[in-house]
Amino acid sequence: AGRDSLVARLEEVVATTGGRWADVD
């Protein structure tokens, strides 16, 4: 919840998985 929490979670997912791009299908 909250903008800072969202950014932290998205950065964590990128760091954990290595995924840096998403094709918007």
PDBML (XML) file of the C-alpha atoms, coordinates in Angstrom:
<?xml version="1.0" encoding="UTF-8" ?>
<PDBx:datablock datablockName="MODEL"
   xmlns:PDBx="http://pdbml.pdb.org/schema/pdbx-v50.xsd"
   xmlns:xsi="http://www.w3.org/2001/XMLSchema-instance"
   xsi:schemaLocation="http://pdbml.pdb.org/schema/pdbx-v50.xsd pdbx-v50.xsd">
   <PDBx:atom_siteCategory>
      <PDBx:atom_site id="1">
         <PDBx:B_iso_or_equiv>0.00</PDBx:B_iso_or_equiv>
         <PDBx:Cartn_x>0.000</PDBx:Cartn_x>
         <PDBx:Cartn_y>0.000</PDBx:Cartn_y>
         <PDBx:Cartn_z>0.000</PDBx:Cartn_z>
         <PDBx:auth_asym_id>A</PDBx:auth_asym_id>
         <PDBx:auth_atom_id>CA</PDBx:auth_atom_id>
         <PDBx:auth_comp_id>ALA</PDBx:auth_comp_id>
         <PDBx:auth_seq_id>1</PDBx:auth_seq_id>
         <PDBx:group_PDB>ATOM</PDBx:group_PDB>
         <PDBx:label_alt_id xsi:nil="true" />
         <PDBx:label_asym_id>A</PDBx:label_asym_id>
         <PDBx:label_atom_id>CA</PDBx:label_atom_id>
         <PDBx:label_comp_id>ALA</PDBx:label_comp_id>
         <PDBx:label_entity_id>1</PDBx:label_entity_id>
         <PDBx:label_seq_id>1</PDBx:label_seq_id>
         <PDBx:occupancy>1.00</PDBx:occupancy>
         <PDBx:pdbx_PDB_model_num>1</PDBx:pdbx_PDB_model_num>
         <PDBx:type_symbol>C</PDBx:type_symbol>
      </PDBx:atom_site>
      <PDBx:atom_site id="2">
         <PDBx:B_iso_or_equiv>0.00</PDBx:B_iso_or_equiv>
         <PDBx:Cartn_x>1.204</PDBx:Cartn_x>
         <PDBx:Cartn_y>3.455</PDBx:Cartn_y>
         <PDBx:Cartn_z>-0.962</PDBx:Cartn_z>
         <PDBx:auth_asym_id>A</PDBx:auth_asym_id>
         <PDBx:auth_atom_id>CA</PDBx:auth_atom_id>
         <PDBx:auth_comp_id>GLY</PDBx:auth_comp_id>
         <PDBx:auth_seq_id>2</PDBx:auth_seq_id>
         <PDBx:group_PDB>ATOM</PDBx:group_PDB>
         <PDBx:label_alt_id xsi:nil="true" />
         <PDBx:label_asym_id>A</PDBx:label_asym_id>
         <PDBx:label_atom_id>CA</PDBx:label_atom_id>
         <PDBx:label_comp_id>GLY</PDBx:label_comp_id>
         <PDBx:label_entity_id>1</PDBx:label_entity_id>
         <PDBx:label_seq_id>2</PDBx:label_seq_id>
         <PDBx:occupancy>1.00</PDBx:occupancy>
         <PDBx:pdbx_PDB_model_num>1</PDBx:pdbx_PDB_model_num>
         <PDBx:type_symbol>C</PDBx:type_symbol>
      </PDBx:atom_site>
      <PDBx:atom_site id="3">
         <PDBx:B_iso_or_equiv>0.00</PDBx:B_iso_or_equiv>
         <PDBx:Cartn_x>3.393</PDBx:Cartn_x>
         <PDBx:Cartn_y>4.837</PDBx:Cartn_y>
         <PDBx:Cartn_z>-3.729</PDBx:Cartn_z>
         <PDBx:auth_asym_id>A</PDBx:auth_asym_id>
         <PDBx:auth_atom_id>CA</PDBx:auth_atom_id>
         <PDBx:auth_comp_id>ARG</PDBx:auth_comp_id>
         <PDBx:auth_seq_id>3</PDBx:auth_seq_id>
         <PDBx:group_PDB>ATOM</PDBx:group_PDB>
         <PDBx:label_alt_id xsi:nil="true" />
         <PDBx:label_asym_id>A</PDBx:label_asym_id>
         <PDBx:label_atom_id>CA</PDBx:label_atom_id>
         <PDBx:label_comp_id>ARG</PDBx:label_comp_id>
         <PDBx:label_entity_id>1</PDBx:label_entity_id>
         <PDBx:label_seq_id>3</PDBx:label_seq_id>
         <PDBx:occupancy>1.00</PDBx:occupancy>
         <PDBx:pdbx_PDB_model_num>1</PDBx:pdbx_PDB_model_num>
         <PDBx:type_symbol>C</PDBx:type_symbol>
      </PDBx:atom_site>
      <PDBx:atom_site id="4">
         <PDBx:B_iso_or_equiv>0.00</PDBx:B_iso_or_equiv>
         <PDBx:Cartn_x>6.733</PDBx:Cartn_x>
         <PDBx:Cartn_y>4.202</PDBx:Cartn_y>
         <PDBx:Cartn_z>-1.971</PDBx:Cartn_z>
         <PDBx:auth_asym_id>A</PDBx:auth_asym_id>
         <PDBx:auth_atom_id>CA</PDBx:auth_atom_id>
         <PDBx:auth_comp_id>ASP</PDBx:auth_comp_id>
         <PDBx:auth_seq_id>4</PDBx:auth_seq_id>
         <PDBx:group_PDB>ATOM</PDBx:group_PDB>
         <PDBx:label_alt_id xsi:nil="true" />
         <PDBx:label_asym_id>A</PDBx:label_asym_id>
         <PDBx:label_atom_id>CA</PDBx:label_atom_id>
         <PDBx:label_comp_id>ASP</PDBx:label_comp_id>
         <PDBx:label_entity_id>1</PDBx:label_entity_id>
         <PDBx:label_seq_id>4</PDBx:label_seq_id>
         <PDBx:occupancy>1.00</PDBx:occupancy>
         <PDBx:pdbx_PDB_model_num>1</PDBx:pdbx_PDB_model_num>
         <PDBx:type_symbol>C</PDBx:type_symbol>
      </PDBx:atom_site>
      <PDBx:atom_site id="5">
         <PDBx:B_iso_or_equiv>0.00</PDBx:B_iso_or_equiv>
         <PDBx:Cartn_x>5.730</PDBx:Cartn_x>
         <PDBx:Cartn_y>0.640</PDBx:Cartn_y>
         <PDBx:Cartn_z>-1.125</PDBx:Cartn_z>
         <PDBx:auth_asym_id>A</PDBx:auth_asym_id>
         <PDBx:auth_atom_id>CA</PDBx:auth_atom_id>
         <PDBx:auth_comp_id>SER</PDBx:auth_comp_id>
         <PDBx:auth_seq_id>5</PDBx:auth_seq_id>
         <PDBx:group_PDB>ATOM</PDBx:group_PDB>
         <PDBx:label_alt_id xsi:nil="true" />
         <PDBx:label_asym_id>A</PDBx:label_asym_id>
         <PDBx:label_atom_id>CA</PDBx:label_atom_id>
         <PDBx:label_comp_id>SER</PDBx:label_comp_id>
         <PDBx:label_entity_id>1</PDBx:label_entity_id>
         <PDBx:label_seq_id>5</PDBx:label_seq_id>
         <PDBx:occupancy>1.00</PDBx:occupancy>
         <PDBx:pdbx_PDB_model_num>1</PDBx:pdbx_PDB_model_num>
         <PDBx:type_symbol>C</PDBx:type_symbol>
      </PDBx:atom_site>
      <PDBx:atom_site id="6">
         <PDBx:B_iso_or_equiv>0.00</PDBx:B_iso_or_equiv>
         <PDBx:Cartn_x>4.697</PDBx:Cartn_x>
         <PDBx:Cartn_y>0.017</PDBx:Cartn_y>
         <PDBx:Cartn_z>-4.742</PDBx:Cartn_z>
         <PDBx:auth_asym_id>A</PDBx:auth_asym_id>
         <PDBx:auth_atom_id>CA</PDBx:auth_atom_id>
         <PDBx:auth_comp_id>LEU</PDBx:auth_comp_id>
         <PDBx:auth_seq_id>6</PDBx:auth_seq_id>
         <PDBx:group_PDB>ATOM</PDBx:group_PDB>
         <PDBx:label_alt_id xsi:nil="true" />
         <PDBx:label_asym_id>A</PDBx:label_asym_id>
         <PDBx:label_atom_id>CA</PDBx:label_atom_id>
         <PDBx:label_comp_id>LEU</PDBx:label_comp_id>
         <PDBx:label_entity_id>1</PDBx:label_entity_id>
         <PDBx:label_seq_id>6</PDBx:label_seq_id>
         <PDBx:occupancy>1.00</PDBx:occupancy>
         <PDBx:pdbx_PDB_model_num>1</PDBx:pdbx_PDB_model_num>
         <PDBx:type_symbol>C</PDBx:type_symbol>
      </PDBx:atom_site>
      <PDBx:atom_site id="7">
         <PDBx:B_iso_or_equiv>0.00</PDBx:B_iso_or_equiv>
         <PDBx:Cartn_x>8.027</PDBx:Cartn_x>
         <PDBx:Cartn_y>1.256</PDBx:Cartn_y>
         <PDBx:Cartn_z>-6.093</PDBx:Cartn_z>
         <PDBx:auth_asym_id>A</PDBx:auth_asym_id>
         <PDBx:auth_atom_id>CA</PDBx:auth_atom_id>
         <PDBx:auth_comp_id>VAL</PDBx:auth_comp_id>
         <PDBx:auth_seq_id>7</PDBx:auth_seq_id>
         <PDBx:group_PDB>ATOM</PDBx:group_PDB>
         <PDBx:label_alt_id xsi:nil="true" />
         <PDBx:label_asym_id>A</PDBx:label_asym_id>
         <PDBx:label_atom_id>CA</PDBx:label_atom_id>
         <PDBx:label_comp_id>VAL</PDBx:label_comp_id>
         <PDBx:label_entity_id>1</PDBx:label_entity_id>
         <PDBx:label_seq_id>7</PDBx:label_seq_id>
         <PDBx:occupancy>1.00</PDBx:occupancy>
         <PDBx:pdbx_PDB_model_num>1</PDBx:pdbx_PDB_model_num>
         <PDBx:type_symbol>C</PDBx:type_symbol>
      </PDBx:atom_site>
      <PDBx:atom_site id="8">
         <PDBx:B_iso_or_equiv>0.00</PDBx:B_iso_or_equiv>
         <PDBx:Cartn_x>9.991</PDBx:Cartn_x>
         <PDBx:Cartn_y>-0.785</PDBx:Cartn_y>
         <PDBx:Cartn_z>-3.550</PDBx:Cartn_z>
         <PDBx:auth_asym_id>A</PDBx:auth_asym_id>
         <PDBx:auth_atom_id>CA</PDBx:auth_atom_id>
         <PDBx:auth_comp_id>ALA</PDBx:auth_comp_id>
         <PDBx:auth_seq_id>8</PDBx:auth_seq_id>
         <PDBx:group_PDB>ATOM</PDBx:group_PDB>
         <PDBx:label_alt_id xsi:nil="true" />
         <PDBx:label_asym_id>A</PDBx:label_asym_id>
         <PDBx:label_atom_id>CA</PDBx:label_atom_id>
         <PDBx:label_comp_id>ALA</PDBx:label_comp_id>
         <PDBx:label_entity_id>1</PDBx:label_entity_id>
         <PDBx:label_seq_id>8</PDBx:label_seq_id>
         <PDBx:occupancy>1.00</PDBx:occupancy>
         <PDBx:pdbx_PDB_model_num>1</PDBx:pdbx_PDB_model_num>
         <PDBx:type_symbol>C</PDBx:type_symbol>
      </PDBx:atom_site>
      <PDBx:atom_site id="9">
         <PDBx:B_iso_or_equiv>0.00</PDBx:B_iso_or_equiv>
         <PDBx:Cartn_x>8.044</PDBx:Cartn_x>
         <PDBx:Cartn_y>-3.942</PDBx:Cartn_y>
         <PDBx:Cartn_z>-4.433</PDBx:Cartn_z>
         <PDBx:auth_asym_id>A</PDBx:auth_asym_id>
         <PDBx:auth_atom_id>CA</PDBx:auth_atom_id>
         <PDBx:auth_comp_id>ARG</PDBx:auth_comp_id>
         <PDBx:auth_seq_id>9</PDBx:auth_seq_id>
         <PDBx:group_PDB>ATOM</PDBx:group_PDB>
         <PDBx:label_alt_id xsi:nil="true" />
         <PDBx:label_asym_id>A</PDBx:label_asym_id>
         <PDBx:label_atom_id>CA</PDBx:label_atom_id>
         <PDBx:label_comp_id>ARG</PDBx:label_comp_id>
         <PDBx:label_entity_id>1</PDBx:label_entity_id>
         <PDBx:label_seq_id>9</PDBx:label_seq_id>
         <PDBx:occupancy>1.00</PDBx:occupancy>
         <PDBx:pdbx_PDB_model_num>1</PDBx:pdbx_PDB_model_num>
         <PDBx:type_symbol>C</PDBx:type_symbol>
      </PDBx:atom_site>
      <PDBx:atom_site id="10">
         <PDBx:B_iso_or_equiv>0.00</PDBx:B_iso_or_equiv>
         <PDBx:Cartn_x>8.444</PDBx:Cartn_x>
         <PDBx:Cartn_y>-3.448</PDBx:Cartn_y>
         <PDBx:Cartn_z>-8.177</PDBx:Cartn_z>
         <PDBx:auth_asym_id>A</PDBx:auth_asym_id>
         <PDBx:auth_atom_id>CA</PDBx:auth_atom_id>
         <PDBx:auth_comp_id>LEU</PDBx:auth_comp_id>
         <PDBx:auth_seq_id>10</PDBx:auth_seq_id>
         <PDBx:group_PDB>ATOM</PDBx:group_PDB>
         <PDBx:label_alt_id xsi:nil="true" />
         <PDBx:label_asym_id>A</PDBx:label_asym_id>
         <PDBx:label_atom_id>CA</PDBx:label_atom_id>
         <PDBx:label_comp_id>LEU</PDBx:label_comp_id>
         <PDBx:label_entity_id>1</PDBx:label_entity_id>
         <PDBx:label_seq_id>10</PDBx:label_seq_id>
         <PDBx:occupancy>1.00</PDBx:occupancy>
         <PDBx:pdbx_PDB_model_num>1</PDBx:pdbx_PDB_model_num>
         <PDBx:type_symbol>C</PDBx:type_symbol>
      </PDBx:atom_site>
      <PDBx:atom_site id="11">
         <PDBx:B_iso_or_equiv>0.00</PDBx:B_iso_or_equiv>
         <PDBx:Cartn_x>12.178</PDBx:Cartn_x>
         <PDBx:Cartn_y>-2.885</PDBx:Cartn_y>
         <PDBx:Cartn_z>-7.752</PDBx:Cartn_z>
         <PDBx:auth_asym_id>A</PDBx:auth_asym_id>
         <PDBx:auth_atom_id>CA</PDBx:auth_atom_id>
         <PDBx:auth_comp_id>GLU</PDBx:auth_comp_id>
         <PDBx:auth_seq_id>11</PDBx:auth_seq_id>
         <PDBx:group_PDB>ATOM</PDBx:group_PDB>
         <PDBx:label_alt_id xsi:nil="true" />
         <PDBx:label_asym_id>A</PDBx:label_asym_id>
         <PDBx:label_atom_id>CA</PDBx:label_atom_id>
         <PDBx:label_comp_id>GLU</PDBx:label_comp_id>
         <PDBx:label_entity_id>1</PDBx:label_entity_id>
         <PDBx:label_seq_id>11</PDBx:label_seq_id>
         <PDBx:occupancy>1.00</PDBx:occupancy>
         <PDBx:pdbx_PDB_model_num>1</PDBx:pdbx_PDB_model_num>
         <PDBx:type_symbol>C</PDBx:type_symbol>
      </PDBx:atom_site>
      <PDBx:atom_site id="12">
         <PDBx:B_iso_or_equiv>0.00</PDBx:B_iso_or_equiv>
         <PDBx:Cartn_x>12.412</PDBx:Cartn_x>
         <PDBx:Cartn_y>-5.993</PDBx:Cartn_y>
         <PDBx:Cartn_z>-5.567</PDBx:Cartn_z>
         <PDBx:auth_asym_id>A</PDBx:auth_asym_id>
         <PDBx:auth_atom_id>CA</PDBx:auth_atom_id>
         <PDBx:auth_comp_id>GLU</PDBx:auth_comp_id>
         <PDBx:auth_seq_id>12</PDBx:auth_seq_id>
         <PDBx:group_PDB>ATOM</PDBx:group_PDB>
         <PDBx:label_alt_id xsi:nil="true" />
         <PDBx:label_asym_id>A</PDBx:label_asym_id>
         <PDBx:label_atom_id>CA</PDBx:label_atom_id>
         <PDBx:label_comp_id>GLU</PDBx:label_comp_id>
         <PDBx:label_entity_id>1</PDBx:label_entity_id>
         <PDBx:label_seq_id>12</PDBx:label_seq_id>
         <PDBx:occupancy>1.00</PDBx:occupancy>
         <PDBx:pdbx_PDB_model_num>1</PDBx:pdbx_PDB_model_num>
         <PDBx:type_symbol>C</PDBx:type_symbol>
      </PDBx:atom_site>
      <PDBx:atom_site id="13">
         <PDBx:B_iso_or_equiv>0.00</PDBx:B_iso_or_equiv>
         <PDBx:Cartn_x>10.692</PDBx:Cartn_x>
         <PDBx:Cartn_y>-8.113</PDBx:Cartn_y>
         <PDBx:Cartn_z>-8.221</PDBx:Cartn_z>
         <PDBx:auth_asym_id>A</PDBx:auth_asym_id>
         <PDBx:auth_atom_id>CA</PDBx:auth_atom_id>
         <PDBx:auth_comp_id>VAL</PDBx:auth_comp_id>
         <PDBx:auth_seq_id>13</PDBx:auth_seq_id>
         <PDBx:group_PDB>ATOM</PDBx:group_PDB>
         <PDBx:label_alt_id xsi:nil="true" />
         <PDBx:label_asym_id>A</PDBx:label_asym_id>
         <PDBx:label_atom_id>CA</PDBx:label_atom_id>
         <PDBx:label_comp_id>VAL</PDBx:label_comp_id>
         <PDBx:label_entity_id>1</PDBx:label_entity_id>
         <PDBx:label_seq_id>13</PDBx:label_seq_id>
         <PDBx:occupancy>1.00</PDBx:occupancy>
         <PDBx:pdbx_PDB_model_num>1</PDBx:pdbx_PDB_model_num>
         <PDBx:type_symbol>C</PDBx:type_symbol>
      </PDBx:atom_site>
      <PDBx:atom_site id="14">
         <PDBx:B_iso_or_equiv>0.00</PDBx:B_iso_or_equiv>
         <PDBx:Cartn_x>13.066</PDBx:Cartn_x>
         <PDBx:Cartn_y>-6.815</PDBx:Cartn_y>
         <PDBx:Cartn_z>-10.907</PDBx:Cartn_z>
         <PDBx:auth_asym_id>A</PDBx:auth_asym_id>
         <PDBx:auth_atom_id>CA</PDBx:auth_atom_id>
         <PDBx:auth_comp_id>VAL</PDBx:auth_comp_id>
         <PDBx:auth_seq_id>14</PDBx:auth_seq_id>
         <PDBx:group_PDB>ATOM</PDBx:group_PDB>
         <PDBx:label_alt_id xsi:nil="true" />
         <PDBx:label_asym_id>A</PDBx:label_asym_id>
         <PDBx:label_atom_id>CA</PDBx:label_atom_id>
         <PDBx:label_comp_id>VAL</PDBx:label_comp_id>
         <PDBx:label_entity_id>1</PDBx:label_entity_id>
         <PDBx:label_seq_id>14</PDBx:label_seq_id>
         <PDBx:occupancy>1.00</PDBx:occupancy>
         <PDBx:pdbx_PDB_model_num>1</PDBx:pdbx_PDB_model_num>
         <PDBx:type_symbol>C</PDBx:type_symbol>
      </PDBx:atom_site>
      <PDBx:atom_site id="15">
         <PDBx:B_iso_or_equiv>0.00</PDBx:B_iso_or_equiv>
         <PDBx:Cartn_x>16.109</PDBx:Cartn_x>
         <PDBx:Cartn_y>-7.473</PDBx:Cartn_y>
         <PDBx:Cartn_z>-8.722</PDBx:Cartn_z>
         <PDBx:auth_asym_id>A</PDBx:auth_asym_id>
         <PDBx:auth_atom_id>CA</PDBx:auth_atom_id>
         <PDBx:auth_comp_id>ALA</PDBx:auth_comp_id>
         <PDBx:auth_seq_id>15</PDBx:auth_seq_id>
         <PDBx:group_PDB>ATOM</PDBx:group_PDB>
         <PDBx:label_alt_id xsi:nil="true" />
         <PDBx:label_asym_id>A</PDBx:label_asym_id>
         <PDBx:label_atom_id>CA</PDBx:label_atom_id>
         <PDBx:label_comp_id>ALA</PDBx:label_comp_id>
         <PDBx:label_entity_id>1</PDBx:label_entity_id>
         <PDBx:label_seq_id>15</PDBx:label_seq_id>
         <PDBx:occupancy>1.00</PDBx:occupancy>
         <PDBx:pdbx_PDB_model_num>1</PDBx:pdbx_PDB_model_num>
         <PDBx:type_symbol>C</PDBx:type_symbol>
      </PDBx:atom_site>
      <PDBx:atom_site id="16">
         <PDBx:B_iso_or_equiv>0.00</PDBx:B_iso_or_equiv>
         <PDBx:Cartn_x>14.937</PDBx:Cartn_x>
         <PDBx:Cartn_y>-10.970</PDBx:Cartn_y>
         <PDBx:Cartn_z>-7.789</PDBx:Cartn_z>
         <PDBx:auth_asym_id>A</PDBx:auth_asym_id>
         <PDBx:auth_atom_id>CA</PDBx:auth_atom_id>
         <PDBx:auth_comp_id>THR</PDBx:auth_comp_id>
         <PDBx:auth_seq_id>16</PDBx:auth_seq_id>
         <PDBx:group_PDB>ATOM</PDBx:group_PDB>
         <PDBx:label_alt_id xsi:nil="true" />
         <PDBx:label_asym_id>A</PDBx:label_asym_id>
         <PDBx:label_atom_id>CA</PDBx:label_atom_id>
         <PDBx:label_comp_id>THR</PDBx:label_comp_id>
         <PDBx:label_entity_id>1</PDBx:label_entity_id>
         <PDBx:label_seq_id>16</PDBx:label_seq_id>
         <PDBx:occupancy>1.00</PDBx:occupancy>
         <PDBx:pdbx_PDB_model_num>1</PDBx:pdbx_PDB_model_num>
         <PDBx:type_symbol>C</PDBx:type_symbol>
      </PDBx:atom_site>
      <PDBx:atom_site id="17">
         <PDBx:B_iso_or_equiv>0.00</PDBx:B_iso_or_equiv>
         <PDBx:Cartn_x>13.942</PDBx:Cartn_x>
         <PDBx:Cartn_y>-12.137</PDBx:Cartn_y>
         <PDBx:Cartn_z>-11.260</PDBx:Cartn_z>
         <PDBx:auth_asym_id>A</PDBx:auth_asym_id>
         <PDBx:auth_atom_id>CA</PDBx:auth_atom_id>
         <PDBx:auth_comp_id>THR</PDBx:auth_comp_id>
         <PDBx:auth_seq_id>17</PDBx:auth_seq_id>
         <PDBx:group_PDB>ATOM</PDBx:group_PDB>
         <PDBx:label_alt_id xsi:nil="true" />
         <PDBx:label_asym_id>A</PDBx:label_asym_id>
         <PDBx:label_atom_id>CA</PDBx:label_atom_id>
         <PDBx:label_comp_id>THR</PDBx:label_comp_id>
         <PDBx:label_entity_id>1</PDBx:label_entity_id>
         <PDBx:label_seq_id>17</PDBx:label_seq_id>
         <PDBx:occupancy>1.00</PDBx:occupancy>
         <PDBx:pdbx_PDB_model_num>1</PDBx:pdbx_PDB_model_num>
         <PDBx:type_symbol>C</PDBx:type_symbol>
      </PDBx:atom_site>
      <PDBx:atom_site id="18">
         <PDBx:B_iso_or_equiv>0.00</PDBx:B_iso_or_equiv>
         <PDBx:Cartn_x>16.163</PDBx:Cartn_x>
         <PDBx:Cartn_y>-10.081</PDBx:Cartn_y>
         <PDBx:Cartn_z>-13.549</PDBx:Cartn_z>
         <PDBx:auth_asym_id>A</PDBx:auth_asym_id>
         <PDBx:auth_atom_id>CA</PDBx:auth_atom_id>
         <PDBx:auth_comp_id>GLY</PDBx:auth_comp_id>
         <PDBx:auth_seq_id>18</PDBx:auth_seq_id>
         <PDBx:group_PDB>ATOM</PDBx:group_PDB>
         <PDBx:label_alt_id xsi:nil="true" />
         <PDBx:label_asym_id>A</PDBx:label_asym_id>
         <PDBx:label_atom_id>CA</PDBx:label_atom_id>
         <PDBx:label_comp_id>GLY</PDBx:label_comp_id>
         <PDBx:label_entity_id>1</PDBx:label_entity_id>
         <PDBx:label_seq_id>18</PDBx:label_seq_id>
         <PDBx:occupancy>1.00</PDBx:occupancy>
         <PDBx:pdbx_PDB_model_num>1</PDBx:pdbx_PDB_model_num>
         <PDBx:type_symbol>C</PDBx:type_symbol>
      </PDBx:atom_site>
      <PDBx:atom_site id="19">
         <PDBx:B_iso_or_equiv>0.00</PDBx:B_iso_or_equiv>
         <PDBx:Cartn_x>13.120</PDBx:Cartn_x>
         <PDBx:Cartn_y>-9.141</PDBx:Cartn_y>
         <PDBx:Cartn_z>-15.647</PDBx:Cartn_z>
         <PDBx:auth_asym_id>A</PDBx:auth_asym_id>
         <PDBx:auth_atom_id>CA</PDBx:auth_atom_id>
         <PDBx:auth_comp_id>GLY</PDBx:auth_comp_id>
         <PDBx:auth_seq_id>19</PDBx:auth_seq_id>
         <PDBx:group_PDB>ATOM</PDBx:group_PDB>
         <PDBx:label_alt_id xsi:nil="true" />
         <PDBx:label_asym_id>A</PDBx:label_asym_id>
         <PDBx:label_atom_id>CA</PDBx:label_atom_id>
         <PDBx:label_comp_id>GLY</PDBx:label_comp_id>
         <PDBx:label_entity_id>1</PDBx:label_entity_id>
         <PDBx:label_seq_id>19</PDBx:label_seq_id>
         <PDBx:occupancy>1.00</PDBx:occupancy>
         <PDBx:pdbx_PDB_model_num>1</PDBx:pdbx_PDB_model_num>
         <PDBx:type_symbol>C</PDBx:type_symbol>
      </PDBx:atom_site>
      <PDBx:atom_site id="20">
         <PDBx:B_iso_or_equiv>0.00</PDBx:B_iso_or_equiv>
         <PDBx:Cartn_x>13.529</PDBx:Cartn_x>
         <PDBx:Cartn_y>-5.598</PDBx:Cartn_y>
         <PDBx:Cartn_z>-16.933</PDBx:Cartn_z>
         <PDBx:auth_asym_id>A</PDBx:auth_asym_id>
         <PDBx:auth_atom_id>CA</PDBx:auth_atom_id>
         <PDBx:auth_comp_id>ARG</PDBx:auth_comp_id>
         <PDBx:auth_seq_id>20</PDBx:auth_seq_id>
         <PDBx:group_PDB>ATOM</PDBx:group_PDB>
         <PDBx:label_alt_id xsi:nil="true" />
         <PDBx:label_asym_id>A</PDBx:label_asym_id>
         <PDBx:label_atom_id>CA</PDBx:label_atom_id>
         <PDBx:label_comp_id>ARG</PDBx:label_comp_id>
         <PDBx:label_entity_id>1</PDBx:label_entity_id>
         <PDBx:label_seq_id>20</PDBx:label_seq_id>
         <PDBx:occupancy>1.00</PDBx:occupancy>
         <PDBx:pdbx_PDB_model_num>1</PDBx:pdbx_PDB_model_num>
         <PDBx:type_symbol>C</PDBx:type_symbol>
      </PDBx:atom_site>
      <PDBx:atom_site id="21">
         <PDBx:B_iso_or_equiv>0.00</PDBx:B_iso_or_equiv>
         <PDBx:Cartn_x>11.013</PDBx:Cartn_x>
         <PDBx:Cartn_y>-5.373</PDBx:Cartn_y>
         <PDBx:Cartn_z>-19.799</PDBx:Cartn_z>
         <PDBx:auth_asym_id>A</PDBx:auth_asym_id>
         <PDBx:auth_atom_id>CA</PDBx:auth_atom_id>
         <PDBx:auth_comp_id>TRP</PDBx:auth_comp_id>
         <PDBx:auth_seq_id>21</PDBx:auth_seq_id>
         <PDBx:group_PDB>ATOM</PDBx:group_PDB>
         <PDBx:label_alt_id xsi:nil="true" />
         <PDBx:label_asym_id>A</PDBx:label_asym_id>
         <PDBx:label_atom_id>CA</PDBx:label_atom_id>
         <PDBx:label_comp_id>TRP</PDBx:label_comp_id>
         <PDBx:label_entity_id>1</PDBx:label_entity_id>
         <PDBx:label_seq_id>21</PDBx:label_seq_id>
         <PDBx:occupancy>1.00</PDBx:occupancy>
         <PDBx:pdbx_PDB_model_num>1</PDBx:pdbx_PDB_model_num>
         <PDBx:type_symbol>C</PDBx:type_symbol>
      </PDBx:atom_site>
      <PDBx:atom_site id="22">
         <PDBx:B_iso_or_equiv>0.00</PDBx:B_iso_or_equiv>
         <PDBx:Cartn_x>7.365</PDBx:Cartn_x>
         <PDBx:Cartn_y>-6.228</PDBx:Cartn_y>
         <PDBx:Cartn_z>-20.302</PDBx:Cartn_z>
         <PDBx:auth_asym_id>A</PDBx:auth_asym_id>
         <PDBx:auth_atom_id>CA</PDBx:auth_atom_id>
         <PDBx:auth_comp_id>ALA</PDBx:auth_comp_id>
         <PDBx:auth_seq_id>22</PDBx:auth_seq_id>
         <PDBx:group_PDB>ATOM</PDBx:group_PDB>
         <PDBx:label_alt_id xsi:nil="true" />
         <PDBx:label_asym_id>A</PDBx:label_asym_id>
         <PDBx:label_atom_id>CA</PDBx:label_atom_id>
         <PDBx:label_comp_id>ALA</PDBx:label_comp_id>
         <PDBx:label_entity_id>1</PDBx:label_entity_id>
         <PDBx:label_seq_id>22</PDBx:label_seq_id>
         <PDBx:occupancy>1.00</PDBx:occupancy>
         <PDBx:pdbx_PDB_model_num>1</PDBx:pdbx_PDB_model_num>
         <PDBx:type_symbol>C</PDBx:type_symbol>
      </PDBx:atom_site>
      <PDBx:atom_site id="23">
         <PDBx:B_iso_or_equiv>0.00</PDBx:B_iso_or_equiv>
         <PDBx:Cartn_x>5.771</PDBx:Cartn_x>
         <PDBx:Cartn_y>-6.350</PDBx:Cartn_y>
         <PDBx:Cartn_z>-23.731</PDBx:Cartn_z>
         <PDBx:auth_asym_id>A</PDBx:auth_asym_id>
         <PDBx:auth_atom_id>CA</PDBx:auth_atom_id>
         <PDBx:auth_comp_id>ASP</PDBx:auth_comp_id>
         <PDBx:auth_seq_id>23</PDBx:auth_seq_id>
         <PDBx:group_PDB>ATOM</PDBx:group_PDB>
         <PDBx:label_alt_id xsi:nil="true" />
         <PDBx:label_asym_id>A</PDBx:label_asym_id>
         <PDBx:label_atom_id>CA</PDBx:label_atom_id>
         <PDBx:label_comp_id>ASP</PDBx:label_comp_id>
         <PDBx:label_entity_id>1</PDBx:label_entity_id>
         <PDBx:label_seq_id>23</PDBx:label_seq_id>
         <PDBx:occupancy>1.00</PDBx:occupancy>
         <PDBx:pdbx_PDB_model_num>1</PDBx:pdbx_PDB_model_num>
         <PDBx:type_symbol>C</PDBx:type_symbol>
      </PDBx:atom_site>
      <PDBx:atom_site id="24">
         <PDBx:B_iso_or_equiv>0.00</PDBx:B_iso_or_equiv>
         <PDBx:Cartn_x>2.326</PDBx:Cartn_x>
         <PDBx:Cartn_y>-4.851</PDBx:Cartn_y>
         <PDBx:Cartn_z>-23.348</PDBx:Cartn_z>
         <PDBx:auth_asym_id>A</PDBx:auth_asym_id>
         <PDBx:auth_atom_id>CA</PDBx:auth_atom_id>
         <PDBx:auth_comp_id>VAL</PDBx:auth_comp_id>
         <PDBx:auth_seq_id>24</PDBx:auth_seq_id>
         <PDBx:group_PDB>ATOM</PDBx:group_PDB>
         <PDBx:label_alt_id xsi:nil="true" />
         <PDBx:label_asym_id>A</PDBx:label_asym_id>
         <PDBx:label_atom_id>CA</PDBx:label_atom_id>
         <PDBx:label_comp_id>VAL</PDBx:label_comp_id>
         <PDBx:label_entity_id>1</PDBx:label_entity_id>
         <PDBx:label_seq_id>24</PDBx:label_seq_id>
         <PDBx:occupancy>1.00</PDBx:occupancy>
         <PDBx:pdbx_PDB_model_num>1</PDBx:pdbx_PDB_model_num>
         <PDBx:type_symbol>C</PDBx:type_symbol>
      </PDBx:atom_site>
      <PDBx:atom_site id="25">
         <PDBx:B_iso_or_equiv>0.00</PDBx:B_iso_or_equiv>
         <PDBx:Cartn_x>0.357</PDBx:Cartn_x>
         <PDBx:Cartn_y>-7.353</PDBx:Cartn_y>
         <PDBx:Cartn_z>-25.406</PDBx:Cartn_z>
         <PDBx:auth_asym_id>A</PDBx:auth_asym_id>
         <PDBx:auth_atom_id>CA</PDBx:auth_atom_id>
         <PDBx:auth_comp_id>ASP</PDBx:auth_comp_id>
         <PDBx:auth_seq_id>25</PDBx:auth_seq_id>
         <PDBx:group_PDB>ATOM</PDBx:group_PDB>
         <PDBx:label_alt_id xsi:nil="true" />
         <PDBx:label_asym_id>A</PDBx:label_asym_id>
         <PDBx:label_atom_id>CA</PDBx:label_atom_id>
         <PDBx:label_comp_id>ASP</PDBx:label_comp_id>
         <PDBx:label_entity_id>1</PDBx:label_entity_id>
         <PDBx:label_seq_id>25</PDBx:label_seq_id>
         <PDBx:occupancy>1.00</PDBx:occupancy>
         <PDBx:pdbx_PDB_model_num>1</PDBx:pdbx_PDB_model_num>
         <PDBx:type_symbol>C</PDBx:type_symbol>
      </PDBx:atom_site>
   </PDBx:atom_siteCategory>
</PDBx:datablock>
